[in-house]
Amino acid sequence: MKILVTGGAGFIGSALIRYVIGETNDSVVNVDKLTYAGNLESLADIENSDRYVFEKVDICDRAELDRVFEQHKPDAVMHLAAESHVDRSIDSPMSFIETNILGTYTLLEASRCYCARLSDKSKFRFHHISTDEVYGDLEDTNMLFNEETRYEPSSPYSASKASSDHLVRAWNRTFSLPTIVTNCSNNYGPYHFPEKLIPLMILNALDGKDLPVYGNGLQIRDWLYVEDHARALYCVITKGEVGETYNVGGHNEKANIEVVKIICQLLDELVPEKPKGVEKYADLIVHVADRPGHDVRYAIDAGKIERDLGWKPEETFESGIKKTVEWFLQNKAWWSRVLDGSYAGERLGTGKQ
């Protein structure tokens, strides 16, 4: 099978491509615009494979998408290209509207026209990868998001992803494009861009900088190791039913402040020589003003994908976070070059509490 992956130079996309090239016999066409969060160095291990091709293309560019489809003739599309940082969506919503909504529309249309020309349309798949943030907030601590949960997005980011989910389902129903949707919980792991919580905490701690935690830090997320997610995505594109939605979660609910403290404990063990003036890494934790519309709790019911497709996560949070911290300690060359670029390591909340 030849898979066209959009956003393959990003965090989750690169993990998916490394999995497909390293663990299967399938081939990949990586379509990526290479925005600030796209990094081809995350694919260095597989970039010379004869089953891998990179195309620097913006998914809003219909002519280029048509060329890519005609030239490479994929059997499936796995759509991960997206603006994904909530803080950035609050600061600058327009880029999220353009990429996540208009980009998805353009890709759907290019896929629909391509699929219409295929002699056997039944084998083509369009897999849209989305987020649990489209469901909004869970106030009841006993509730979980499932595939039937009503959409109530809270941020410009989650609203743009909800819009793209609706477009994908509409193209399935109206135009019979064979689509599948997955909604995942918070990912973490190797090659994670340093603006996100876990890598930011690791790198700030190593540098003796403040560890900024929004509000009281009691916001709860379900954490999914990115390599588990890559396995789930491949499972869905190869076994999933057209028209279905599958929620993908790690069964690891943790409050943000708990995650930060676990990282600090691991660093205390793994890097005992601390920056000057730091006795314990946890001493660097500071609470900053909460961001607008901050959801309190996300939690995924991933029972359907386990029952129907046989996938479940292999990593616990404890095993996954240790692998993640160790990876960042062992791969300074990768994250140093990222930090030398467009990102300065700030969180967008302002003011200490």
Protein backbone atom coordinates (compact mmCIF):
# COMPACT_ATOMS: atom_id res chain seq x y z
CA MET A 1 0.00 0.00 0.00
CA LYS A 2 1.14 3.54 -0.76
CA ILE A 3 0.03 6.07 1.87
CA LEU A 4 -0.05 9.83 1.38
CA VAL A 5 0.62 11.38 4.80
CA THR A 6 -0.01 15.10 5.28
CA GLY A 7 1.94 16.82 8.03
CA GLY A 8 4.49 14.03 8.07
CA ALA A 9 7.30 16.28 9.32
CA GLY A 10 5.35 17.09 12.46
CA PHE A 11 5.38 15.31 15.80
CA ILE A 12 2.69 12.66 15.26
CA GLY A 13 3.14 12.50 11.49
CA SER A 14 6.85 11.73 11.73
CA ALA A 15 6.17 9.01 14.33
CA LEU A 16 3.62 7.48 11.96
CA ILE A 17 6.03 7.54 9.02
CA ARG A 18 8.87 6.05 11.06
CA TYR A 19 6.48 3.25 12.06
CA VAL A 20 5.23 2.57 8.53
CA ILE A 21 8.71 2.51 6.98
CA GLY A 22 10.31 0.67 9.89
CA GLU A 23 7.64 -1.89 10.72
CA THR A 24 5.67 -2.56 7.50
CA ASN A 25 6.29 -3.08 3.79
CA ASP A 26 4.15 -0.08 2.79
CA SER A 27 5.47 3.13 1.23
CA VAL A 28 4.85 6.77 2.18
CA VAL A 29 4.51 10.07 0.34
CA ASN A 30 5.07 12.79 2.93
CA VAL A 31 3.28 16.05 2.07
CA ASP A 32 4.31 18.87 4.39
CA LYS A 33 4.50 22.66 4.10
CA LEU A 34 7.32 22.76 6.69
CA THR A 35 5.94 25.45 8.98
CA TYR A 36 7.70 26.26 12.27
CA ALA A 37 6.78 22.88 13.82
CA GLY A 38 7.75 20.75 10.80
CA ASN A 39 11.20 19.21 11.04
CA LEU A 40 12.61 16.76 8.51
CA GLU A 41 15.36 15.85 10.98
CA SER A 42 12.69 13.85 12.79
CA LEU A 43 12.73 11.53 9.75
CA ALA A 44 16.50 11.21 9.41
CA ASP A 45 16.41 7.48 10.22
CA ILE A 46 14.18 6.65 7.24
CA GLU A 47 14.75 9.48 4.75
CA ASN A 48 16.91 7.32 2.46
CA SER A 49 14.39 4.50 2.22
CA ASP A 50 13.29 3.68 -1.32
CA ARG A 51 9.74 3.49 0.09
CA TYR A 52 9.73 7.13 1.22
CA VAL A 53 9.22 10.34 -0.77
CA PHE A 54 8.95 13.92 0.49
CA GLU A 55 6.87 16.61 -1.23
CA LYS A 56 7.03 20.17 0.12
CA VAL A 57 3.42 21.16 -0.56
CA ASP A 58 0.83 23.33 1.20
CA ILE A 59 -2.47 21.44 1.54
CA CYS A 60 -4.27 24.67 0.59
CA ASP A 61 -2.61 24.52 -2.86
CA ARG A 62 -5.07 22.54 -4.97
CA ALA A 63 -2.94 22.44 -8.11
CA GLU A 64 0.02 20.99 -6.26
CA LEU A 65 -2.17 18.45 -4.48
CA ASP A 66 -3.59 17.33 -7.83
CA ARG A 67 -0.04 16.90 -9.12
CA VAL A 68 0.98 14.85 -6.09
CA PHE A 69 -2.04 12.54 -6.43
CA GLU A 70 -1.49 12.05 -10.15
CA GLN A 71 2.25 11.50 -9.82
CA HIS A 72 2.28 9.17 -6.81
CA LYS A 73 -1.15 7.48 -7.05
CA PRO A 74 -1.68 6.73 -3.35
CA ASP A 75 -3.97 4.00 -2.06
CA ALA A 76 -4.82 5.97 1.07
CA VAL A 77 -4.57 9.42 2.64
CA MET A 78 -3.74 9.94 6.30
CA HIS A 79 -4.42 13.58 7.07
CA LEU A 80 -2.41 14.96 10.01
CA ALA A 81 -1.43 18.41 8.69
CA ALA A 82 -2.82 20.96 11.14
CA GLU A 83 -2.07 23.94 13.29
CA SER A 84 -2.37 22.42 16.74
CA HIS A 85 -1.22 24.72 19.54
CA VAL A 86 -4.10 26.15 21.60
CA ASP A 87 -2.16 29.20 22.79
CA ARG A 88 -1.22 30.13 19.24
CA SER A 89 -4.85 29.74 18.16
CA ILE A 90 -5.89 32.28 20.80
CA ASP A 91 -3.17 34.67 19.69
CA SER A 92 -3.68 34.22 15.93
CA PRO A 93 -6.81 32.25 14.94
CA MET A 94 -6.64 32.92 11.19
CA SER A 95 -3.85 30.45 10.42
CA PHE A 96 -5.93 27.74 12.14
CA ILE A 97 -8.94 28.55 9.97
CA GLU A 98 -6.81 28.46 6.84
CA THR A 99 -4.94 25.21 7.51
CA ASN A 100 -7.42 23.18 9.53
CA ILE A 101 -10.61 24.12 7.70
CA LEU A 102 -9.70 25.38 4.23
CA GLY A 103 -6.76 22.99 3.98
CA THR A 104 -8.92 20.00 4.90
CA TYR A 105 -11.57 21.10 2.38
CA THR A 106 -8.95 21.38 -0.37
CA LEU A 107 -7.51 17.97 0.44
CA LEU A 108 -10.97 16.40 0.52
CA GLU A 109 -11.77 17.80 -2.92
CA ALA A 110 -8.45 16.67 -4.37
CA SER A 111 -9.04 13.21 -2.86
CA ARG A 112 -12.62 13.05 -4.14
CA CYS A 113 -11.61 13.87 -7.71
CA TYR A 114 -8.70 11.43 -7.56
CA CYS A 115 -10.87 8.66 -6.11
CA ALA A 116 -13.49 9.19 -8.83
CA ARG A 117 -10.87 8.27 -11.46
CA LEU A 118 -9.86 5.00 -9.80
CA SER A 119 -10.95 1.75 -11.39
CA ASP A 120 -11.56 0.23 -7.93
CA LYS A 121 -12.78 3.02 -5.65
CA SER A 122 -13.63 0.61 -2.83
CA LYS A 123 -9.99 0.19 -1.78
CA PHE A 124 -9.24 3.90 -1.33
CA ARG A 125 -9.32 5.36 2.20
CA PHE A 126 -9.22 8.90 3.59
CA HIS A 127 -8.23 8.81 7.27
CA HIS A 128 -8.66 12.11 9.11
CA ILE A 129 -6.70 12.40 12.37
CA SER A 130 -8.31 14.73 14.91
CA THR A 131 -8.30 15.51 18.63
CA ASP A 132 -10.39 14.89 21.73
CA GLU A 133 -10.50 18.66 22.26
CA VAL A 134 -13.45 18.87 19.84
CA TYR A 135 -15.60 17.42 22.63
CA GLY A 136 -14.89 20.32 24.97
CA ASP A 137 -14.81 19.90 28.73
CA LEU A 138 -15.67 17.05 31.10
CA GLU A 139 -16.97 18.29 34.44
CA ASP A 140 -18.11 14.92 35.79
CA THR A 141 -15.02 12.99 36.93
CA ASN A 142 -16.73 9.70 36.06
CA MET A 143 -17.43 10.60 32.44
CA LEU A 144 -15.33 9.73 29.38
CA PHE A 145 -15.41 10.98 25.81
CA ASN A 146 -16.77 8.34 23.44
CA GLU A 147 -17.52 8.34 19.74
CA GLU A 148 -21.05 9.62 20.36
CA THR A 149 -20.07 12.56 22.60
CA ARG A 150 -21.50 15.90 21.47
CA TYR A 151 -19.03 18.41 20.04
CA GLU A 152 -18.49 21.49 22.24
CA PRO A 153 -15.09 22.97 21.27
CA SER A 154 -13.73 25.70 23.53
CA SER A 155 -10.77 27.26 21.67
CA PRO A 156 -10.18 28.48 18.11
CA TYR A 157 -7.96 25.42 17.66
CA SER A 158 -10.56 22.87 18.76
CA ALA A 159 -13.30 24.71 16.85
CA SER A 160 -11.24 24.53 13.66
CA LYS A 161 -10.62 20.81 14.18
CA ALA A 162 -14.32 20.22 14.88
CA SER A 163 -15.08 21.99 11.61
CA SER A 164 -12.67 19.75 9.73
CA ASP A 165 -14.24 16.63 11.30
CA HIS A 166 -17.67 17.75 10.09
CA LEU A 167 -16.33 18.36 6.58
CA VAL A 168 -14.84 14.87 6.42
CA ARG A 169 -18.11 13.24 7.48
CA ALA A 170 -20.06 15.39 5.02
CA TRP A 171 -17.81 14.30 2.14
CA ASN A 172 -18.44 10.69 3.16
CA ARG A 173 -22.21 11.06 3.25
CA THR A 174 -22.72 13.42 0.31
CA PHE A 175 -19.98 12.31 -2.08
CA SER A 176 -19.38 8.72 -0.82
CA LEU A 177 -15.69 9.45 -0.19
CA PRO A 178 -14.52 6.49 1.94
CA THR A 179 -13.50 8.32 5.11
CA ILE A 180 -12.55 7.32 8.66
CA VAL A 181 -12.04 9.69 11.60
CA THR A 182 -9.93 9.22 14.72
CA ASN A 183 -9.89 11.52 17.76
CA CYS A 184 -6.89 11.18 20.05
CA SER A 185 -5.89 12.39 23.49
CA ASN A 186 -2.72 14.37 24.33
CA ASN A 187 0.36 12.84 22.71
CA TYR A 188 3.88 12.93 24.13
CA GLY A 189 7.19 11.27 23.32
CA PRO A 190 10.36 11.66 21.22
CA TYR A 191 10.68 14.54 18.74
CA HIS A 192 7.95 16.58 20.48
CA PHE A 193 8.12 20.27 19.55
CA PRO A 194 9.32 22.27 22.58
CA GLU A 195 6.30 24.58 22.90
CA LYS A 196 4.15 21.75 24.28
CA LEU A 197 3.95 21.07 28.02
CA ILE A 198 6.18 18.01 28.49
CA PRO A 199 9.19 18.94 26.31
CA LEU A 200 9.01 22.56 27.51
CA MET A 201 9.21 21.43 31.14
CA ILE A 202 12.14 19.11 30.42
CA LEU A 203 14.19 21.69 28.54
CA ASN A 204 13.41 24.60 30.86
CA ALA A 205 14.38 22.50 33.88
CA LEU A 206 17.69 21.52 32.31
CA ASP A 207 18.38 25.20 31.68
CA GLY A 208 17.37 26.29 35.18
CA LYS A 209 14.42 28.31 33.87
CA ASP A 210 10.95 28.69 35.36
CA LEU A 211 8.50 25.82 34.80
CA PRO A 212 5.28 27.76 33.99
CA VAL A 213 2.06 25.98 34.94
CA TYR A 214 -1.30 27.48 33.99
CA GLY A 215 -3.56 28.41 36.89
CA ASN A 216 -3.64 25.80 39.66
CA GLY A 217 -2.32 23.07 37.36
CA LEU A 218 -5.24 20.77 38.13
CA GLN A 219 -6.36 20.50 34.49
CA ILE A 220 -6.53 16.78 33.67
CA ARG A 221 -5.45 15.22 30.38
CA ASP A 222 -5.28 11.65 29.10
CA TRP A 223 -1.71 11.07 27.92
CA LEU A 224 -0.95 8.87 24.90
CA TYR A 225 2.61 7.86 23.98
CA VAL A 226 3.14 8.90 20.38
CA GLU A 227 4.48 5.52 19.21
CA ASP A 228 1.34 3.85 20.59
CA HIS A 229 -0.67 6.38 18.60
CA ALA A 230 1.27 5.59 15.43
CA ARG A 231 0.39 1.90 15.83
CA ALA A 232 -3.25 2.84 16.35
CA LEU A 233 -3.36 4.98 13.22
CA TYR A 234 -1.89 2.22 11.09
CA CYS A 235 -4.35 -0.22 12.62
CA VAL A 236 -7.24 2.06 11.64
CA ILE A 237 -6.11 2.66 8.05
CA THR A 238 -5.65 -1.09 7.49
CA LYS A 239 -8.55 -2.52 9.51
CA GLY A 240 -10.99 0.32 10.21
CA GLU A 241 -14.50 0.49 8.74
CA VAL A 242 -15.40 3.28 6.33
CA GLY A 243 -17.66 5.89 7.93
CA GLU A 244 -16.61 4.98 11.47
CA THR A 245 -14.97 7.07 14.19
CA TYR A 246 -12.44 5.65 16.62
CA ASN A 247 -11.26 7.37 19.80
CA VAL A 248 -7.61 6.72 20.68
CA GLY A 249 -6.47 7.21 24.27
CA GLY A 250 -3.66 6.17 26.56
CA HIS A 251 -5.71 5.31 29.70
CA ASN A 252 -3.43 7.73 31.58
CA GLU A 253 -5.30 10.61 33.21
CA LYS A 254 -2.94 13.03 34.94
CA ALA A 255 -3.27 16.59 36.20
CA ASN A 256 -0.80 18.97 34.56
CA ILE A 257 0.90 19.77 37.87
CA GLU A 258 1.33 16.04 38.51
CA VAL A 259 2.96 15.59 35.10
CA VAL A 260 5.39 18.44 35.80
CA LYS A 261 6.31 17.03 39.21
CA ILE A 262 6.91 13.55 37.73
CA ILE A 263 9.26 15.10 35.16
CA CYS A 264 11.09 16.92 37.95
CA GLN A 265 11.48 13.68 39.94
CA LEU A 266 12.88 11.87 36.90
CA LEU A 267 15.34 14.68 36.23
CA ASP A 268 16.41 14.65 39.90
CA GLU A 269 17.36 10.98 39.36
CA LEU A 270 18.80 11.19 35.85
CA VAL A 271 20.54 14.58 36.00
CA PRO A 272 21.72 15.05 39.59
CA GLU A 273 24.07 17.91 38.59
CA LYS A 274 21.56 20.74 38.51
CA PRO A 275 21.86 24.30 37.23
CA LYS A 276 23.43 26.76 39.64
CA GLY A 277 21.15 27.66 42.53
CA VAL A 278 18.69 24.80 41.95
CA GLU A 279 18.34 22.28 44.79
CA LYS A 280 15.39 20.36 43.31
CA TYR A 281 13.93 20.80 39.84
CA ALA A 282 10.45 21.18 41.34
CA ASP A 283 11.65 24.44 42.93
CA LEU A 284 11.46 25.94 39.44
CA ILE A 285 7.66 25.49 39.19
CA VAL A 286 5.74 28.78 38.94
CA HIS A 287 2.01 29.30 38.41
CA VAL A 288 1.06 31.73 35.64
CA ALA A 289 -2.27 33.28 34.67
CA ASP A 290 -4.60 30.69 33.20
CA ARG A 291 -5.40 30.92 29.50
CA PRO A 292 -8.89 31.94 28.31
CA GLY A 293 -11.42 29.13 28.01
CA HIS A 294 -9.08 26.52 29.49
CA ASP A 295 -10.78 23.10 29.56
CA VAL A 296 -10.55 21.37 32.94
CA ARG A 297 -10.59 17.70 31.99
CA TYR A 298 -10.27 15.47 28.92
CA ALA A 299 -10.59 11.69 29.15
CA ILE A 300 -10.99 9.15 26.35
CA ASP A 301 -12.98 5.93 26.25
CA ALA A 302 -10.84 3.90 23.84
CA GLY A 303 -12.93 0.74 24.19
CA LYS A 304 -14.24 0.73 20.62
CA ILE A 305 -10.84 0.59 18.91
CA GLU A 306 -9.77 -2.20 21.27
CA ARG A 307 -12.97 -4.22 20.76
CA ASP A 308 -13.26 -3.73 17.00
CA LEU A 309 -9.65 -3.52 15.84
CA GLY A 310 -7.61 -5.11 18.62
CA TRP A 311 -5.48 -2.05 19.47
CA LYS A 312 -4.55 -0.96 22.96
CA PRO A 313 -1.63 1.13 24.26
CA GLU A 314 1.56 -0.66 25.24
CA GLU A 315 3.07 2.13 27.34
CA THR A 316 1.94 3.22 30.78
CA PHE A 317 2.49 6.87 31.58
CA GLU A 318 5.33 5.89 33.90
CA SER A 319 7.17 3.91 31.21
CA GLY A 320 6.41 6.40 28.45
CA ILE A 321 7.45 9.52 30.35
CA LYS A 322 10.73 7.93 31.38
CA LYS A 323 11.47 7.03 27.75
CA THR A 324 10.59 10.58 26.76
CA VAL A 325 12.84 12.26 29.32
CA GLU A 326 15.69 9.91 28.45
CA TRP A 327 15.22 10.64 24.73
CA PHE A 328 15.51 14.38 25.27
CA LEU A 329 18.61 13.88 27.41
CA GLN A 330 20.20 11.76 24.68
CA ASN A 331 19.19 13.95 21.71
CA LYS A 332 20.37 17.45 22.55
CA ALA A 333 21.52 17.98 18.95
CA TRP A 334 17.91 17.66 17.70
CA TRP A 335 16.24 20.00 20.18
CA SER A 336 19.12 22.48 20.20
CA ARG A 337 18.63 23.07 16.49
CA VAL A 338 14.89 23.43 17.00
CA LEU A 339 15.43 26.04 19.71
CA ASP A 340 17.89 27.92 17.50
CA GLY A 341 15.03 28.45 15.03
CA SER A 342 11.70 30.21 15.37
CA TYR A 343 10.69 29.17 18.88
CA ALA A 344 11.99 30.79 22.05
CA GLY A 345 10.41 28.48 24.65
CA GLU A 346 7.77 30.82 26.06
CA ARG A 347 4.27 29.93 27.13
CA LEU A 348 1.70 32.46 26.05
CA GLY A 349 0.05 32.93 29.45
CA THR A 350 1.12 36.18 31.13
CA GLY A 351 1.81 37.03 34.73
CA LYS A 352 2.82 34.89 37.69
CA GLN A 353 0.38 33.96 40.44
